[in-house]
Amino acid sequence: MNNFKSFSSNEQLLEELCSHIVSILQESIEQNEKATLLVSGGNTPKPLFQKLSSMDIAWGKVTVALVDERWIPNTNKDSNEFLVKQNLLQNFASKANFIGMYKENKSADEAQEECSKTYEKLTPFDIVVLGMGNDSHTASLFPNNEKLKEAFDLENENLCISITPQTAPYERMSLTLGAILSAKNIILHIQGEEKLKVYEKALVSTDIYKTPISAVLNNKKTDVEVYHS
């Protein structure tokens, strides 16, 4: 089930979404003395990251991790780790713990098992914030990729999967569908009319290999909250 929320301005969306994320994190900290926030890369979440960083909560009890990563050094500006460190792990949020995916001197294939074991220690994730491309990819689960069958297999115990897109640069590491759906809260954050059309098509798509975001939106396990402006 999807809980769709549309906002007339990006500022209004950021206010609501930031407040919602902070509320979930604080509740988890109160109940469990810790919280986990998994985030995606791209340009869309930058303002959200910057706004979250200014929230005065117990960030020292929050672990921030990635939904996916391009297999490049974390000093590269195309790295999601670089993006998160520059925009989210600032101000109050600089106290948060961070767990990246990239392993130096290893291919994504070689690091897949290690990544899965690391992420197992973070489960159940409190929040996973997803993005979506115009091609309907989410995380690094790209349409018609040969690894999608493995990534979508809910009996696959691996939480991470190495993947090489045919339509985007860099080898990558991504959460599997099972890992994403294990989260207590799944949020899809999208902007613009084109993304809205992609979202609406994905809702009625029956081919998850052509529209990977459909596997998340139409899952029977976890509700998805959609924030659009």
Protein backbone atom coordinates (compact mmCIF):
# COMPACT_ATOMS: atom_id res chain seq x y z
CA MET A 1 0.00 0.00 0.00
CA ASN A 2 1.21 3.50 -0.85
CA ASN A 3 0.54 6.60 1.16
CA PHE A 4 0.94 9.36 -1.46
CA LYS A 5 1.53 12.93 -0.33
CA SER A 6 1.86 15.76 -2.83
CA PHE A 7 3.10 19.25 -1.95
CA SER A 8 2.79 22.49 -3.90
CA SER A 9 6.35 23.51 -3.04
CA ASN A 10 9.60 21.72 -2.36
CA GLU A 11 10.00 23.78 0.81
CA GLN A 12 6.71 22.46 2.18
CA LEU A 13 7.70 18.90 1.32
CA LEU A 14 11.09 19.28 3.00
CA GLU A 15 9.46 20.65 6.15
CA GLU A 16 7.02 17.73 6.39
CA LEU A 17 9.48 15.00 5.39
CA CYS A 18 12.24 16.24 7.66
CA SER A 19 9.82 16.41 10.59
CA HIS A 20 8.58 12.89 9.82
CA ILE A 21 12.10 11.41 9.64
CA VAL A 22 13.17 13.14 12.85
CA SER A 23 10.06 11.87 14.64
CA ILE A 24 10.81 8.25 13.63
CA LEU A 25 14.47 8.55 14.63
CA GLN A 26 13.61 10.05 18.00
CA GLU A 27 11.02 7.37 18.72
CA SER A 28 13.53 4.63 17.94
CA ILE A 29 16.19 6.29 20.10
CA GLU A 30 13.74 6.50 23.00
CA GLN A 31 12.72 2.86 22.62
CA ASN A 32 15.99 1.23 21.55
CA GLU A 33 18.75 3.71 22.39
CA LYS A 34 19.66 3.71 18.68
CA ALA A 35 18.25 4.39 15.21
CA THR A 36 19.19 3.67 11.59
CA LEU A 37 18.67 5.90 8.56
CA LEU A 38 19.51 4.61 5.08
CA VAL A 39 19.67 7.19 2.30
CA SER A 40 20.06 7.41 -1.46
CA GLY A 41 22.23 9.58 -3.69
CA GLY A 42 21.37 12.02 -6.47
CA ASN A 43 20.45 15.70 -6.50
CA THR A 44 16.91 15.34 -5.10
CA PRO A 45 17.88 14.53 -1.48
CA LYS A 46 20.58 17.23 -1.10
CA PRO A 47 18.25 19.90 0.39
CA LEU A 48 16.70 17.24 2.64
CA PHE A 49 20.13 16.19 3.88
CA GLN A 50 21.07 19.80 4.61
CA LYS A 51 17.83 20.41 6.50
CA LEU A 52 18.19 17.19 8.51
CA SER A 53 21.74 18.11 9.47
CA SER A 54 20.43 21.18 11.34
CA MET A 55 18.00 19.16 13.48
CA ASP A 56 19.18 18.99 17.09
CA ILE A 57 18.54 15.36 18.01
CA ALA A 58 20.74 12.66 19.56
CA TRP A 59 22.67 12.03 16.35
CA GLY A 60 25.35 10.15 18.25
CA LYS A 61 22.81 7.32 18.57
CA VAL A 62 21.94 7.35 14.86
CA THR A 63 23.70 5.23 12.24
CA VAL A 64 23.51 6.58 8.70
CA ALA A 65 24.15 4.14 5.85
CA LEU A 66 23.64 3.97 2.09
CA VAL A 67 20.95 2.37 -0.05
CA ASP A 68 23.49 1.99 -2.87
CA GLU A 69 26.94 3.13 -3.92
CA ARG A 70 28.96 3.68 -7.05
CA TRP A 71 32.14 1.62 -6.83
CA ILE A 72 34.55 4.54 -6.77
CA PRO A 73 36.72 6.05 -4.00
CA ASN A 74 34.76 8.07 -1.44
CA THR A 75 36.79 11.16 -2.36
CA ASN A 76 35.19 11.15 -5.82
CA LYS A 77 32.36 13.69 -6.14
CA ASP A 78 30.20 11.05 -7.88
CA SER A 79 30.35 8.89 -4.74
CA ASN A 80 27.18 8.71 -2.65
CA GLU A 81 29.36 8.59 0.47
CA PHE A 82 30.94 11.89 -0.58
CA LEU A 83 27.46 13.40 -1.13
CA VAL A 84 26.21 12.26 2.28
CA LYS A 85 29.31 13.45 4.12
CA GLN A 86 29.18 16.86 2.43
CA ASN A 87 25.46 17.46 2.93
CA LEU A 88 24.05 15.31 5.76
CA LEU A 89 26.92 14.59 8.14
CA GLN A 90 27.34 18.26 8.96
CA ASN A 91 26.22 20.54 11.83
CA PHE A 92 24.38 18.52 14.52
CA ALA A 93 24.37 15.42 12.30
CA SER A 94 28.18 15.34 12.22
CA LYS A 95 27.88 13.24 15.40
CA ALA A 96 26.08 10.42 13.57
CA ASN A 97 27.82 7.13 12.89
CA PHE A 98 28.32 6.43 9.20
CA ILE A 99 28.70 3.10 7.42
CA GLY A 100 29.69 3.16 3.76
CA MET A 101 29.63 0.40 1.16
CA TYR A 102 32.80 1.01 -0.83
CA LYS A 103 35.84 -1.13 0.00
CA GLU A 104 39.20 -0.07 -1.34
CA ASN A 105 41.17 -2.67 -3.31
CA LYS A 106 38.10 -4.92 -3.72
CA SER A 107 35.64 -5.24 -6.56
CA ALA A 108 31.95 -4.93 -5.74
CA ASP A 109 31.64 -8.68 -6.37
CA GLU A 110 34.38 -9.41 -3.85
CA ALA A 111 32.83 -7.08 -1.25
CA GLN A 112 29.22 -8.25 -1.61
CA GLU A 113 29.29 -10.79 1.24
CA GLU A 114 31.10 -8.43 3.59
CA CYS A 115 28.59 -5.68 2.81
CA SER A 116 25.68 -8.02 3.52
CA LYS A 117 27.12 -9.02 6.90
CA THR A 118 27.70 -5.38 7.84
CA TYR A 119 24.13 -4.43 6.97
CA GLU A 120 22.71 -7.44 8.84
CA LYS A 121 24.01 -5.81 12.03
CA LEU A 122 21.89 -2.72 11.27
CA THR A 123 18.61 -4.57 10.78
CA PRO A 124 15.80 -3.88 11.16
CA PHE A 125 16.39 -0.53 9.46
CA ASP A 126 14.24 2.23 10.93
CA ILE A 127 14.03 4.28 7.73
CA VAL A 128 15.01 3.70 4.11
CA VAL A 129 14.71 6.79 1.89
CA LEU A 130 14.60 5.88 -1.78
CA GLY A 131 14.84 7.93 -4.93
CA MET A 132 13.68 7.00 -8.42
CA GLY A 133 15.13 7.65 -11.87
CA ASN A 134 13.18 8.60 -14.98
CA ASP A 135 13.85 5.02 -16.15
CA SER A 136 12.09 3.77 -12.97
CA HIS A 137 15.27 2.47 -11.31
CA THR A 138 15.59 2.73 -7.55
CA ALA A 139 18.74 2.17 -5.49
CA SER A 140 21.00 0.69 -8.21
CA LEU A 141 18.34 -1.72 -9.44
CA PHE A 142 18.20 -0.74 -13.12
CA PRO A 143 15.63 -1.98 -15.67
CA ASN A 144 16.37 -5.24 -17.49
CA ASN A 145 19.64 -5.84 -15.64
CA GLU A 146 20.81 -9.45 -15.54
CA LYS A 147 21.17 -9.27 -11.75
CA LEU A 148 17.56 -8.22 -11.07
CA LYS A 149 16.25 -11.76 -10.69
CA GLU A 150 18.74 -12.35 -7.89
CA ALA A 151 18.11 -8.90 -6.39
CA PHE A 152 14.33 -9.44 -6.36
CA ASP A 153 14.46 -12.97 -4.91
CA LEU A 154 13.01 -12.57 -1.42
CA GLU A 155 14.54 -15.91 -0.39
CA ASN A 156 17.99 -14.52 -1.17
CA GLU A 157 19.53 -13.87 2.25
CA ASN A 158 22.12 -11.41 0.93
CA LEU A 159 21.19 -7.83 1.76
CA CYS A 160 23.66 -6.39 -0.76
CA ILE A 161 24.24 -7.18 -4.42
CA SER A 162 26.96 -6.07 -6.82
CA ILE A 163 25.52 -4.77 -10.06
CA THR A 164 26.77 -3.14 -13.27
CA PRO A 165 24.18 -1.00 -15.08
CA GLN A 166 24.15 -0.97 -18.89
CA THR A 167 22.64 2.51 -18.92
CA ALA A 168 24.62 4.32 -16.21
CA PRO A 169 28.29 4.68 -15.29
CA TYR A 170 30.24 2.71 -12.68
CA GLU A 171 30.03 -0.72 -11.13
CA ARG A 172 27.81 -0.52 -8.02
CA MET A 173 26.65 -2.06 -4.79
CA SER A 174 22.94 -1.98 -3.99
CA LEU A 175 20.55 -3.18 -1.35
CA THR A 176 18.43 -6.08 -2.54
CA LEU A 177 14.64 -5.86 -2.62
CA GLY A 178 14.47 -8.03 0.49
CA ALA A 179 16.77 -5.65 2.35
CA ILE A 180 14.69 -2.63 1.34
CA LEU A 181 11.43 -4.31 2.36
CA SER A 182 12.86 -5.27 5.76
CA ALA A 183 12.79 -1.61 6.79
CA LYS A 184 10.19 -0.44 9.29
CA ASN A 185 9.58 2.69 7.20
CA ILE A 186 10.09 3.05 3.44
CA ILE A 187 9.96 6.53 1.95
CA LEU A 188 10.08 7.40 -1.76
CA HIS A 189 11.09 11.02 -2.37
CA ILE A 190 10.42 12.34 -5.90
CA GLN A 191 10.19 15.71 -7.63
CA GLY A 192 8.63 17.04 -10.81
CA GLU A 193 5.96 16.08 -13.32
CA GLU A 194 8.11 13.56 -15.20
CA LYS A 195 8.85 11.57 -12.04
CA LEU A 196 5.15 11.68 -11.14
CA LYS A 197 4.28 10.10 -14.50
CA VAL A 198 6.93 7.40 -13.98
CA TYR A 199 5.50 6.72 -10.51
CA GLU A 200 1.93 6.47 -11.82
CA LYS A 201 2.98 4.03 -14.56
CA ALA A 202 4.94 1.96 -12.05
CA LEU A 203 1.86 1.57 -9.87
CA VAL A 204 0.06 -0.33 -12.63
CA SER A 205 3.07 -2.10 -14.12
CA THR A 206 3.15 -5.90 -13.89
CA ASP A 207 6.74 -6.18 -15.15
CA ILE A 208 9.11 -5.44 -12.26
CA TYR A 209 12.10 -6.11 -14.52
CA LYS A 210 11.14 -3.23 -16.80
CA THR A 211 10.05 -0.95 -13.91
CA PRO A 212 12.09 -1.95 -10.83
CA ILE A 213 10.43 0.62 -8.55
CA SER A 214 7.20 -1.37 -9.05
CA ALA A 215 8.67 -4.19 -6.97
CA VAL A 216 8.85 -1.78 -4.03
CA LEU A 217 5.61 0.12 -4.60
CA ASN A 218 3.47 -2.97 -5.14
CA ASN A 219 4.99 -5.17 -2.45
CA LYS A 220 2.64 -6.91 0.00
CA LYS A 221 4.90 -6.61 3.04
CA THR A 222 5.60 -2.97 3.87
CA ASP A 223 3.72 0.27 3.24
CA VAL A 224 5.54 2.87 1.18
CA GLU A 225 5.20 6.58 1.90
CA VAL A 226 5.57 8.71 -1.22
CA TYR A 227 6.54 12.37 -0.94
CA HIS A 228 6.20 14.37 -4.17
CA SER A 229 6.56 18.05 -5.01
